[in-house]
Amino acid sequence: MHDDYEFEDDEDFVSKTQIKAEMTELRQLGLNIAELPQPVYDSLELPVELRAGIDEYKRITHKNAKKRQASFVGKLMRKADHEAIRAQLQDIQEANHRATRQLHLVEQWRDRLLTDGEPALSDFLNTYPDCDRQQLRNLIRNAEREKAQNKPPSSARKLFRFIQLLAAQ
């Protein structure tokens, strides 16, 4: 006798396509971890077996062997607490985005101070009232002088570092 049971109505039902998609996603997560810079990779809290699998993946050079190892890393990812690993990666990415935004802000301030003159300087001093005004003016003056003489921008770099230190406070 044929049951009229509808699998789609069952909350616990997971289709084969969904399972394969999750497996592919976890495999890719493992490969993304393998591509991280070594200091970032070392900072992650990973299970020993998963770390060993990723280290082996990094070491392998043969195409087919690398593909098999990538599948093995995906299998290890399924056993691991992949949500915690994903959260760690998310935290790292957010920190990188914050640092990038901070660098862009510093670059914008430096460029404005060198091109817009006094209005940019007063905006900057309003934003950073604890700034050493004399040092800032000297750095701007020296950077403008170097640019006019087509010299290397060492003062512009010093200005960048000065702004960066102020923004980090």
Protein backbone atom coordinates (compact mmCIF):
# COMPACT_ATOMS: atom_id res chain seq x y z
CA MET A 1 0.00 0.00 0.00
CA HIS A 2 1.32 3.48 -0.92
CA ASP A 3 1.57 6.14 1.75
CA ASP A 4 0.39 9.60 0.85
CA TYR A 5 3.08 11.03 3.11
CA GLU A 6 4.47 14.31 1.82
CA PHE A 7 8.15 14.73 2.68
CA GLU A 8 8.03 18.46 2.05
CA ASP A 9 5.53 18.88 4.90
CA ASP A 10 7.93 17.27 7.39
CA GLU A 11 9.96 19.92 9.25
CA ASP A 12 12.94 17.57 9.67
CA PHE A 13 13.08 16.60 6.01
CA VAL A 14 16.26 17.69 4.25
CA SER A 15 16.57 17.06 0.55
CA LYS A 16 19.63 15.50 -1.01
CA THR A 17 20.26 18.77 -2.84
CA GLN A 18 20.27 20.69 0.44
CA ILE A 19 22.70 18.18 1.98
CA LYS A 20 25.05 18.46 -1.00
CA ALA A 21 24.88 22.26 -0.92
CA GLU A 22 25.76 22.28 2.79
CA MET A 23 28.63 19.85 2.19
CA THR A 24 29.98 22.06 -0.62
CA GLU A 25 29.67 25.14 1.58
CA LEU A 26 31.57 23.49 4.44
CA ARG A 27 34.25 22.26 2.04
CA GLN A 28 34.66 25.81 0.74
CA LEU A 29 34.81 27.15 4.30
CA GLY A 30 37.68 24.76 5.01
CA LEU A 31 39.48 25.85 1.85
CA ASN A 32 38.97 29.51 2.75
CA ILE A 33 40.58 28.80 6.11
CA ALA A 34 43.52 27.18 4.30
CA GLU A 35 44.03 30.35 2.27
CA LEU A 36 44.22 32.65 5.30
CA PRO A 37 47.56 34.27 6.14
CA GLN A 38 49.52 32.09 8.56
CA PRO A 39 49.20 34.40 11.63
CA VAL A 40 45.42 34.56 11.19
CA TYR A 41 45.21 30.81 10.60
CA ASP A 42 47.26 30.17 13.75
CA SER A 43 44.93 32.39 15.80
CA LEU A 44 41.85 30.30 14.95
CA GLU A 45 40.65 27.76 17.47
CA LEU A 46 40.28 24.63 15.36
CA PRO A 47 40.01 20.96 16.31
CA VAL A 48 43.36 19.18 16.07
CA GLU A 49 42.16 16.78 13.38
CA LEU A 50 40.80 19.62 11.22
CA ARG A 51 44.00 21.64 11.61
CA ALA A 52 46.04 18.59 10.58
CA GLY A 53 43.80 18.07 7.53
CA ILE A 54 44.14 21.71 6.47
CA ASP A 55 47.91 21.63 7.01
CA GLU A 56 48.10 18.54 4.81
CA TYR A 57 45.96 20.27 2.15
CA LYS A 58 48.40 23.20 2.13
CA ARG A 59 51.36 20.85 1.73
CA ILE A 60 49.95 18.82 -1.19
CA THR A 61 50.80 20.02 -4.70
CA HIS A 62 49.38 17.30 -6.97
CA LYS A 63 46.01 18.36 -8.42
CA ASN A 64 44.04 15.14 -7.83
CA ALA A 65 45.51 14.59 -4.37
CA LYS A 66 44.68 18.19 -3.44
CA LYS A 67 41.10 17.65 -4.61
CA ARG A 68 40.76 14.48 -2.47
CA GLN A 69 42.26 16.28 0.52
CA ALA A 70 39.82 19.18 0.02
CA SER A 71 36.95 16.70 0.20
CA PHE A 72 38.46 15.25 3.37
CA VAL A 73 38.71 18.75 4.87
CA GLY A 74 35.01 19.22 4.06
CA LYS A 75 34.22 15.96 5.85
CA LEU A 76 36.22 17.14 8.88
CA MET A 77 34.38 20.46 8.79
CA ARG A 78 31.06 18.62 9.07
CA LYS A 79 32.30 16.95 12.27
CA ALA A 80 33.61 20.21 13.73
CA ASP A 81 31.59 23.02 15.26
CA HIS A 82 31.47 24.91 11.98
CA GLU A 83 29.22 27.64 13.36
CA ALA A 84 31.86 28.58 15.94
CA ILE A 85 34.54 28.53 13.24
CA ARG A 86 32.36 30.70 11.00
CA ALA A 87 31.87 33.13 13.90
CA GLN A 88 35.65 33.36 14.41
CA LEU A 89 36.14 34.12 10.72
CA GLN A 90 33.36 36.71 10.84
CA ASP A 91 35.09 38.44 13.78
CA ILE A 92 38.39 38.49 11.89
CA GLN A 93 36.74 39.89 8.76
CA GLU A 94 34.96 42.59 10.75
CA ALA A 95 38.23 43.60 12.41
CA ASN A 96 39.88 43.80 8.98
CA HIS A 97 37.02 45.93 7.65
CA ARG A 98 37.28 48.29 10.64
CA ALA A 99 41.03 48.63 10.10
CA THR A 100 40.53 49.31 6.39
CA ARG A 101 37.87 51.94 7.10
CA GLN A 102 40.24 53.56 9.61
CA LEU A 103 43.06 53.70 7.02
CA HIS A 104 40.71 55.22 4.45
CA LEU A 105 39.65 57.87 6.95
CA VAL A 106 43.28 58.73 7.71
CA GLU A 107 44.07 58.92 3.98
CA GLN A 108 41.09 61.22 3.41
CA TRP A 109 42.17 63.54 6.21
CA ARG A 110 45.75 63.66 4.93
CA ASP A 111 44.60 64.41 1.38
CA ARG A 112 42.15 67.08 2.55
CA LEU A 113 44.77 68.73 4.74
CA LEU A 114 47.21 68.87 1.81
CA THR A 115 44.71 70.10 -0.79
CA ASP A 116 41.98 72.11 0.96
CA GLY A 117 44.19 74.22 3.20
CA GLU A 118 42.76 76.23 6.10
CA PRO A 119 39.11 74.99 5.97
CA ALA A 120 40.30 71.37 6.21
CA LEU A 121 42.70 72.29 9.00
CA SER A 122 39.95 73.91 11.09
CA ASP A 123 37.67 70.88 10.47
CA PHE A 124 40.46 68.58 11.56
CA LEU A 125 41.20 70.60 14.69
CA ASN A 126 37.48 70.59 15.58
CA THR A 127 37.40 66.81 15.17
CA TYR A 128 40.66 66.26 17.08
CA PRO A 129 40.93 69.11 19.64
CA ASP A 130 43.84 67.44 21.51
CA CYS A 131 46.02 67.61 18.42
CA ASP A 132 49.43 69.28 18.59
CA ARG A 133 48.62 72.17 16.26
CA GLN A 134 52.18 73.32 15.72
CA GLN A 135 53.41 69.86 14.77
CA LEU A 136 50.44 69.39 12.44
CA ARG A 137 51.08 72.71 10.68
CA ASN A 138 54.79 71.87 10.31
CA LEU A 139 54.00 68.49 8.80
CA ILE A 140 51.53 70.01 6.34
CA ARG A 141 53.97 72.78 5.38
CA ASN A 142 56.84 70.31 4.86
CA ALA A 143 54.65 67.95 2.83
CA GLU A 144 53.49 70.81 0.58
CA ARG A 145 57.10 71.96 0.14
CA GLU A 146 58.25 68.44 -0.79
CA LYS A 147 55.43 68.09 -3.31
CA ALA A 148 56.28 71.43 -4.93
CA GLN A 149 59.95 70.40 -5.23
CA ASN A 150 59.05 66.90 -6.56
CA LYS A 151 60.81 65.24 -3.63
CA PRO A 152 59.81 61.88 -2.12
CA PRO A 153 56.77 62.33 0.16
CA SER A 154 58.44 61.58 3.49
CA SER A 155 56.61 64.41 5.28
CA ALA A 156 53.30 63.25 3.82
CA ARG A 157 54.03 59.83 5.31
CA LYS A 158 54.86 61.44 8.65
CA LEU A 159 51.59 63.37 8.44
CA PHE A 160 49.76 60.12 7.72
CA ARG A 161 51.29 58.45 10.80
CA PHE A 162 50.53 61.53 12.92
CA ILE A 163 46.85 61.43 11.88
CA GLN A 164 46.75 57.68 12.33
CA LEU A 165 47.96 57.97 15.94
CA LEU A 166 45.36 60.67 16.66
CA ALA A 167 42.54 58.64 15.11
CA ALA A 168 43.51 55.54 17.09
CA GLN A 169 43.09 57.35 20.43
